[in-house]
PDB file of N, CA and C in Angstrom:
ATOM      1  N   MET A   1      -1.176  -4.824  -6.891  1.00  0.00           N
ATOM      2  CA  MET A   1      -0.967  -3.366  -7.462  1.00  0.00           C
ATOM      3  C   MET A   1       0.440  -3.118  -6.939  1.00  0.00           C
ATOM      4  N   THR A   2       1.391  -2.873  -7.796  1.00  0.00           N
ATOM      5  CA  THR A   2       2.828  -2.521  -7.449  1.00  0.00           C
ATOM      6  C   THR A   2       3.061  -1.124  -7.163  1.00  0.00           C
ATOM      7  N   GLY A   3       4.101  -0.885  -6.616  1.00  0.00           N
ATOM      8  CA  GLY A   3       4.501   0.611  -6.325  1.00  0.00           C
ATOM      9  C   GLY A   3       4.350   1.484  -7.306  1.00  0.00           C
ATOM     10  N   ALA A   4       5.026   0.914  -8.705  1.00  0.00           N
ATOM     11  CA  ALA A   4       4.849   1.679  -9.684  1.00  0.00           C
ATOM     12  C   ALA A   4       3.641   2.121 -10.111  1.00  0.00           C
ATOM     13  N   GLU A   5       2.586   1.226 -10.137  1.00  0.00           N
ATOM     14  CA  GLU A   5       1.127   1.348 -10.534  1.00  0.00           C
ATOM     15  C   GLU A   5       0.710   2.441  -9.332  1.00  0.00           C
ATOM     16  N   ILE A   6       0.925   2.271  -8.286  1.00  0.00           N
ATOM     17  CA  ILE A   6       0.270   3.159  -7.518  1.00  0.00           C
ATOM     18  C   ILE A   6       0.833   4.524  -7.884  1.00  0.00           C
ATOM     19  N   GLN A   7       2.265   4.753  -7.837  1.00  0.00           N
ATOM     20  CA  GLN A   7       2.739   6.094  -8.345  1.00  0.00           C
ATOM     21  C   GLN A   7       2.176   6.687  -9.579  1.00  0.00           C
ATOM     22  N   LYS A   8       1.731   5.940 -10.477  1.00  0.00           N
ATOM     23  CA  LYS A   8       1.186   6.433 -11.683  1.00  0.00           C
ATOM     24  C   LYS A   8      -0.309   6.871 -11.392  1.00  0.00           C
ATOM     25  N   LEU A   9      -0.994   6.323 -10.430  1.00  0.00           N
ATOM     26  CA  LEU A   9      -2.431   6.894  -9.892  1.00  0.00           C
ATOM     27  C   LEU A   9      -2.181   8.034  -9.286  1.00  0.00           C
ATOM     28  N   ILE A  10      -1.079   8.238  -8.588  1.00  0.00           N
ATOM     29  CA  ILE A  10      -0.990   9.585  -7.705  1.00  0.00           C
ATOM     30  C   ILE A  10      -0.628  10.626  -8.736  1.00  0.00           C
ATOM     31  N   LEU A  11       0.220  10.272  -9.549  1.00  0.00           N
ATOM     32  CA  LEU A  11       0.522  11.221 -10.598  1.00  0.00           C
ATOM     33  C   LEU A  11      -0.614  11.879 -11.398  1.00  0.00           C
ATOM     34  N   ASN A  12      -1.826  11.059 -11.504  1.00  0.00           N
ATOM     35  CA  ASN A  12      -2.739  11.298 -12.256  1.00  0.00           C
ATOM     36  C   ASN A  12      -4.080  11.865 -11.280  1.00  0.00           C
ATOM     37  N   ASN A  13      -3.570  12.073  -9.976  1.00  0.00           N
ATOM     38  CA  ASN A  13      -4.468  12.693  -9.064  1.00  0.00           C
ATOM     39  C   ASN A  13      -5.534  11.838  -8.795  1.00  0.00           C
ATOM     40  N   GLU A  14      -5.297  10.675  -9.009  1.00  0.00           N
ATOM     41  CA  GLU A  14      -6.101   9.437  -8.289  1.00  0.00           C
ATOM     42  C   GLU A  14      -6.536   9.604  -6.935  1.00  0.00           C
ATOM     43  N   GLU A  15      -7.609   9.713  -6.393  1.00  0.00           N
ATOM     44  CA  GLU A  15      -7.693   9.570  -4.827  1.00  0.00           C
ATOM     45  C   GLU A  15      -7.855   8.261  -4.331  1.00  0.00           C
ATOM     46  N   LEU A  16      -6.719   7.822  -3.524  1.00  0.00           N
ATOM     47  CA  LEU A  16      -6.798   6.400  -3.158  1.00  0.00           C
ATOM     48  C   LEU A  16      -6.720   6.301  -1.494  1.00  0.00           C
ATOM     49  N   THR A  17      -7.103   5.302  -1.039  1.00  0.00           N
ATOM     50  CA  THR A  17      -6.972   5.054   0.386  1.00  0.00           C
ATOM     51  C   THR A  17      -5.976   3.908   0.288  1.00  0.00           C
ATOM     52  N   ILE A  18      -4.905   4.046   1.230  1.00  0.00           N
ATOM     53  CA  ILE A  18      -4.030   3.175   1.405  1.00  0.00           C
ATOM     54  C   ILE A  18      -4.201   2.713   3.085  1.00  0.00           C
ATOM     55  N   ILE A  19      -4.137   1.136   3.130  1.00  0.00           N
ATOM     56  CA  ILE A  19      -4.443   0.762   4.252  1.00  0.00           C
ATOM     57  C   ILE A  19      -3.343  -0.140   4.982  1.00  0.00           C
ATOM     58  N   ALA A  20      -2.596   0.173   5.988  1.00  0.00           N
ATOM     59  CA  ALA A  20      -1.753  -0.728   6.383  1.00  0.00           C
ATOM     60  C   ALA A  20      -2.432  -1.792   7.419  1.00  0.00           C
ATOM     61  N   ARG A  21      -2.165  -3.044   7.124  1.00  0.00           N
ATOM     62  CA  ARG A  21      -2.900  -4.186   8.160  1.00  0.00           C
ATOM     63  C   ARG A  21      -2.155  -4.874   8.754  1.00  0.00           C
ATOM     64  N   HIS A  22      -2.125  -5.126  10.038  1.00  0.00           N
ATOM     65  CA  HIS A  22      -1.323  -6.087  11.146  1.00  0.00           C
ATOM     66  C   HIS A  22      -1.762  -7.310  10.701  1.00  0.00           C
ATOM     67  N   LEU A  23      -0.953  -8.265  10.080  1.00  0.00           N
ATOM     68  CA  LEU A  23      -1.404  -9.431   9.634  1.00  0.00           C
ATOM     69  C   LEU A  23      -1.273 -10.700  10.756  1.00  0.00           C
ATOM     70  N   HIS A  24      -0.054 -10.607  11.498  1.00  0.00           N
ATOM     71  CA  HIS A  24       0.358 -11.602  12.445  1.00  0.00           C
ATOM     72  C   HIS A  24       1.659 -11.120  12.953  1.00  0.00           C
ATOM     73  N   SER A  25       1.896 -11.395  14.437  1.00  0.00           N
ATOM     74  CA  SER A  25       3.083 -11.089  14.980  1.00  0.00           C
ATOM     75  C   SER A  25       3.993  -9.722  14.565  1.00  0.00           C
ATOM     76  N   ASN A  26       4.998  -9.826  13.809  1.00  0.00           N
ATOM     77  CA  ASN A  26       5.586  -8.650  13.213  1.00  0.00           C
ATOM     78  C   ASN A  26       5.505  -8.390  11.922  1.00  0.00           C
ATOM     79  N   CYS A  27       4.309  -8.533  11.605  1.00  0.00           N
ATOM     80  CA  CYS A  27       4.036  -8.719   9.915  1.00  0.00           C
ATOM     81  C   CYS A  27       2.993  -7.933   9.408  1.00  0.00           C
ATOM     82  N   TYR A  28       3.122  -6.812   8.631  1.00  0.00           N
ATOM     83  CA  TYR A  28       1.956  -5.970   7.981  1.00  0.00           C
ATOM     84  C   TYR A  28       2.049  -6.158   6.783  1.00  0.00           C
ATOM     85  N   GLY A  29       0.477  -5.787   6.142  1.00  0.00           N
ATOM     86  CA  GLY A  29       0.539  -5.954   4.719  1.00  0.00           C
ATOM     87  C   GLY A  29      -0.234  -4.365   4.212  1.00  0.00           C
ATOM     88  N   VAL A  30      -0.303  -4.084   3.100  1.00  0.00           N
ATOM     89  CA  VAL A  30      -0.697  -2.820   2.706  1.00  0.00           C
ATOM     90  C   VAL A  30      -1.751  -3.082   1.426  1.00  0.00           C
ATOM     91  N   GLY A  31      -2.758  -2.482   1.704  1.00  0.00           N
ATOM     92  CA  GLY A  31      -3.885  -2.533   0.537  1.00  0.00           C
ATOM     93  C   GLY A  31      -4.359  -1.311   0.129  1.00  0.00           C
ATOM     94  N   VAL A  32      -4.883  -1.310  -1.166  1.00  0.00           N
ATOM     95  CA  VAL A  32      -5.279  -0.144  -1.803  1.00  0.00           C
ATOM     96  C   VAL A  32      -6.672   0.057  -2.316  1.00  0.00           C
ATOM     97  N   GLN A  33      -7.256   0.894  -1.948  1.00  0.00           N
ATOM     98  CA  GLN A  33      -8.651   1.189  -2.310  1.00  0.00           C
ATOM     99  C   GLN A  33      -8.936   2.425  -3.028  1.00  0.00           C
ATOM    100  N   HIS A  34      -9.684   2.506  -4.283  1.00  0.00           N
ATOM    101  CA  HIS A  34      -9.963   3.795  -4.979  1.00  0.00           C
ATOM    102  C   HIS A  34     -11.035   4.560  -4.139  1.00  0.00           C
ATOM    103  N   ALA A  35     -11.174   5.696  -4.503  1.00  0.00           N
ATOM    104  CA  ALA A  35     -12.081   6.701  -3.781  1.00  0.00           C
ATOM    105  C   ALA A  35     -13.550   6.193  -3.892  1.00  0.00           C
ATOM    106  N   ASN A  36     -13.936   5.571  -4.933  1.00  0.00           N
ATOM    107  CA  ASN A  36     -15.458   4.946  -4.925  1.00  0.00           C
ATOM    108  C   ASN A  36     -15.457   3.783  -4.029  1.00  0.00           C
ATOM    109  N   GLY A  37     -14.473   3.268  -3.458  1.00  0.00           N
ATOM    110  CA  GLY A  37     -14.669   2.137  -2.637  1.00  0.00           C
ATOM    111  C   GLY A  37     -14.267   0.772  -2.992  1.00  0.00           C
ATOM    112  N   ASP A  38     -13.853   0.692  -4.510  1.00  0.00           N
ATOM    113  CA  ASP A  38     -13.440  -0.378  -5.192  1.00  0.00           C
ATOM    114  C   ASP A  38     -12.198  -0.772  -4.699  1.00  0.00           C
ATOM    115  N   TYR A  39     -12.029  -2.182  -4.141  1.00  0.00           N
ATOM    116  CA  TYR A  39     -10.744  -2.673  -3.452  1.00  0.00           C
ATOM    117  C   TYR A  39      -9.712  -2.883  -4.818  1.00  0.00           C
ATOM    118  N   ALA A  40      -8.528  -2.426  -4.804  1.00  0.00           N
ATOM    119  CA  ALA A  40      -7.466  -2.428  -6.036  1.00  0.00           C
ATOM    120  C   ALA A  40      -6.776  -3.862  -5.559  1.00  0.00           C
ATOM    121  N   GLY A  41      -6.480  -4.139  -4.300  1.00  0.00           N
ATOM    122  CA  GLY A  41      -5.854  -5.321  -4.043  1.00  0.00           C
ATOM    123  C   GLY A  41      -4.493  -5.045  -3.300  1.00  0.00           C
ATOM    124  N   PRO A  42      -3.859  -5.912  -2.735  1.00  0.00           N
ATOM    125  CA  PRO A  42      -2.692  -5.774  -2.042  1.00  0.00           C
ATOM    126  C   PRO A  42      -1.598  -5.039  -2.898  1.00  0.00           C
ATOM    127  N   VAL A  43      -0.639  -4.530  -2.229  1.00  0.00           N
ATOM    128  CA  VAL A  43       0.583  -3.864  -2.886  1.00  0.00           C
ATOM    129  C   VAL A  43       1.499  -5.128  -2.955  1.00  0.00           C
ATOM    130  N   THR A  44       1.967  -5.376  -4.199  1.00  0.00           N
ATOM    131  CA  THR A  44       2.676  -6.941  -4.771  1.00  0.00           C
ATOM    132  C   THR A  44       4.042  -6.379  -5.488  1.00  0.00           C
ATOM    133  N   LEU A  45       4.703  -7.478  -5.427  1.00  0.00           N
ATOM    134  CA  LEU A  45       6.039  -7.448  -6.108  1.00  0.00           C
ATOM    135  C   LEU A  45       5.856  -7.426  -7.456  1.00  0.00           C
ATOM    136  N   PRO A  46       6.440  -6.414  -8.331  1.00  0.00           N
ATOM    137  CA  PRO A  46       5.952  -6.563  -9.988  1.00  0.00           C
ATOM    138  C   PRO A  46       6.390  -8.100 -10.443  1.00  0.00           C
ATOM    139  N   GLU A  47       7.420  -8.724  -9.903  1.00  0.00           N
ATOM    140  CA  GLU A  47       8.176  -9.741 -10.714  1.00  0.00           C
ATOM    141  C   GLU A  47       7.343 -11.289 -10.268  1.00  0.00           C
ATOM    142  N   ASN A  48       6.407 -10.974  -9.202  1.00  0.00           N
ATOM    143  CA  ASN A  48       5.870 -12.434  -8.900  1.00  0.00           C
ATOM    144  C   ASN A  48       4.253 -12.024  -8.747  1.00  0.00           C
ATOM    145  N   ASP A  49       3.896 -10.985  -8.325  1.00  0.00           N
ATOM    146  CA  ASP A  49       2.677 -10.523  -7.953  1.00  0.00           C
ATOM    147  C   ASP A  49       2.332 -11.183  -6.342  1.00  0.00           C
ATOM    148  N   GLN A  50       3.434 -11.445  -5.554  1.00  0.00           N
ATOM    149  CA  GLN A  50       3.211 -11.784  -4.569  1.00  0.00           C
ATOM    150  C   GLN A  50       3.047 -10.429  -3.541  1.00  0.00           C
ATOM    151  N   PRO A  51       2.104 -10.383  -2.404  1.00  0.00           N
ATOM    152  CA  PRO A  51       1.777  -9.432  -1.708  1.00  0.00           C
ATOM    153  C   PRO A  51       3.205  -9.103  -0.829  1.00  0.00           C
ATOM    154  N   LEU A  52       3.452  -7.744  -0.829  1.00  0.00           N
ATOM    155  CA  LEU A  52       4.351  -7.373  -0.052  1.00  0.00           C
ATOM    156  C   LEU A  52       4.165  -7.488   1.529  1.00  0.00           C
ATOM    157  N   GLN A  53       5.196  -7.839   2.240  1.00  0.00           N
ATOM    158  CA  GLN A  53       5.042  -8.050   3.572  1.00  0.00           C
ATOM    159  C   GLN A  53       6.028  -7.037   4.442  1.00  0.00           C
ATOM    160  N   PHE A  54       5.724  -6.530   5.405  1.00  0.00           N
ATOM    161  CA  PHE A  54       6.564  -5.687   6.061  1.00  0.00           C
ATOM    162  C   PHE A  54       6.890  -5.978   7.359  1.00  0.00           C
ATOM    163  N   ASP A  55       8.056  -5.891   8.204  1.00  0.00           N
ATOM    164  CA  ASP A  55       8.248  -6.413   9.523  1.00  0.00           C
ATOM    165  C   ASP A  55       7.870  -5.179  10.470  1.00  0.00           C
ATOM    166  N   SER A  56       7.597  -4.047  10.175  1.00  0.00           N
ATOM    167  CA  SER A  56       7.282  -3.035  11.012  1.00  0.00           C
ATOM    168  C   SER A  56       6.352  -1.890  10.448  1.00  0.00           C
ATOM    169  N   LEU A  57       5.905  -1.021  11.269  1.00  0.00           N
ATOM    170  CA  LEU A  57       4.894  -0.108  10.538  1.00  0.00           C
ATOM    171  C   LEU A  57       5.795   1.057  10.101  1.00  0.00           C
ATOM    172  N   ASP A  58       7.303   1.192  10.454  1.00  0.00           N
ATOM    173  CA  ASP A  58       8.159   2.193  10.187  1.00  0.00           C
ATOM    174  C   ASP A  58       8.680   1.600   8.745  1.00  0.00           C
ATOM    175  N   GLU A  59       8.654   0.493   8.459  1.00  0.00           N
ATOM    176  CA  GLU A  59       8.899  -0.082   6.968  1.00  0.00           C
ATOM    177  C   GLU A  59       7.827   0.272   6.036  1.00  0.00           C
ATOM    178  N   VAL A  60       6.892   0.326   6.512  1.00  0.00           N
ATOM    179  CA  VAL A  60       5.531   0.523   5.825  1.00  0.00           C
ATOM    180  C   VAL A  60       5.548   1.945   5.482  1.00  0.00           C
ATOM    181  N   ALA A  61       5.678   2.872   6.364  1.00  0.00           N
ATOM    182  CA  ALA A  61       5.661   4.485   6.215  1.00  0.00           C
ATOM    183  C   ALA A  61       6.877   4.826   5.269  1.00  0.00           C
ATOM    184  N   SER A  62       7.776   3.940   5.452  1.00  0.00           N
ATOM    185  CA  SER A  62       9.106   4.398   4.485  1.00  0.00           C
ATOM    186  C   SER A  62       8.707   3.989   2.941  1.00  0.00           C
ATOM    187  N   PHE A  63       8.120   2.632   2.761  1.00  0.00           N
ATOM    188  CA  PHE A  63       7.805   2.287   1.725  1.00  0.00           C
ATOM    189  C   PHE A  63       6.820   3.101   1.018  1.00  0.00           C
ATOM    190  N   LEU A  64       5.938   3.565   1.759  1.00  0.00           N
ATOM    191  CA  LEU A  64       4.813   4.542   1.277  1.00  0.00           C
ATOM    192  C   LEU A  64       5.311   5.775   0.847  1.00  0.00           C
ATOM    193  N   SER A  65       6.009   6.399   1.801  1.00  0.00           N
ATOM    194  CA  SER A  65       6.664   7.724   1.585  1.00  0.00           C
ATOM    195  C   SER A  65       7.713   7.626   0.163  1.00  0.00           C
ATOM    196  N   GLN A  66       8.259   6.604   0.126  1.00  0.00           N
ATOM    197  CA  GLN A  66       9.369   6.418  -1.198  1.00  0.00           C
ATOM    198  C   GLN A  66       8.219   6.420  -2.602  1.00  0.00           C
ATOM    199  N   ILE A  67       7.156   5.908  -2.473  1.00  0.00           N
ATOM    200  CA  ILE A  67       6.199   6.048  -3.683  1.00  0.00           C
ATOM    201  C   ILE A  67       5.323   7.056  -3.796  1.00  0.00           C
ATOM    202  N   GLY A  68       5.527   8.284  -2.950  1.00  0.00           N
ATOM    203  CA  GLY A  68       4.590   9.457  -3.005  1.00  0.00           C
ATOM    204  C   GLY A  68       3.249   9.287  -2.095  1.00  0.00           C
ATOM    205  N   VAL A  69       3.197   8.425  -1.379  1.00  0.00           N
ATOM    206  CA  VAL A  69       1.855   8.327  -0.459  1.00  0.00           C
ATOM    207  C   VAL A  69       2.371   9.420   0.827  1.00  0.00           C
ATOM    208  N   LYS A  70       1.538  10.472   0.940  1.00  0.00           N
ATOM    209  CA  LYS A  70       1.489  11.250   2.146  1.00  0.00           C
ATOM    210  C   LYS A  70       0.844  10.915   3.311  1.00  0.00           C
ATOM    211  N   HIS A  71      -0.532  10.105   3.305  1.00  0.00           N
ATOM    212  CA  HIS A  71      -1.253   9.922   4.259  1.00  0.00           C
ATOM    213  C   HIS A  71      -1.726   8.327   4.163  1.00  0.00           C
ATOM    214  N   PHE A  72      -1.493   7.412   5.379  1.00  0.00           N
ATOM    215  CA  PHE A  72      -1.989   6.141   5.279  1.00  0.00           C
ATOM    216  C   PHE A  72      -2.719   5.870   6.743  1.00  0.00           C
ATOM    217  N   GLN A  73      -3.749   4.998   6.784  1.00  0.00           N
ATOM    218  CA  GLN A  73      -4.363   4.351   7.609  1.00  0.00           C
ATOM    219  C   GLN A  73      -4.012   2.936   8.296  1.00  0.00           C
ATOM    220  N   VAL A  74      -3.663   3.010   9.577  1.00  0.00           N
ATOM    221  CA  VAL A  74      -3.303   1.459  10.100  1.00  0.00           C
ATOM    222  C   VAL A  74      -4.612   1.039  10.820  1.00  0.00           C
ATOM    223  N   THR A  75      -4.807  -0.232  10.779  1.00  0.00           N
ATOM    224  CA  THR A  75      -5.796  -0.883  11.516  1.00  0.00           C
ATOM    225  C   THR A  75      -5.000  -1.904  12.184  1.00  0.00           C
ATOM    226  N   ILE A  76      -5.136  -1.735  13.537  1.00  0.00           N
ATOM    227  CA  ILE A  76      -4.471  -2.972  14.240  1.00  0.00           C
ATOM    228  C   ILE A  76      -5.506  -3.839  15.040  1.00  0.00           C
TER     229      ILE A  76
END
């Protein structure tokens, strides 16, 4: 799911759970889940559908803020 797809769901008032997960060393990934519990997948790059990876939680927070996410959960 790309940032643009997440933005569209937010604008349609879709309730989502955004989960930032520690993958390894200084690497974090972000996943998206619908309110009904269905997993929508990781946040990906639109050009190649590869999951985005972030070097810090600050980068995760910055990205999520840019696409309109106000709250997210971190699992460490």
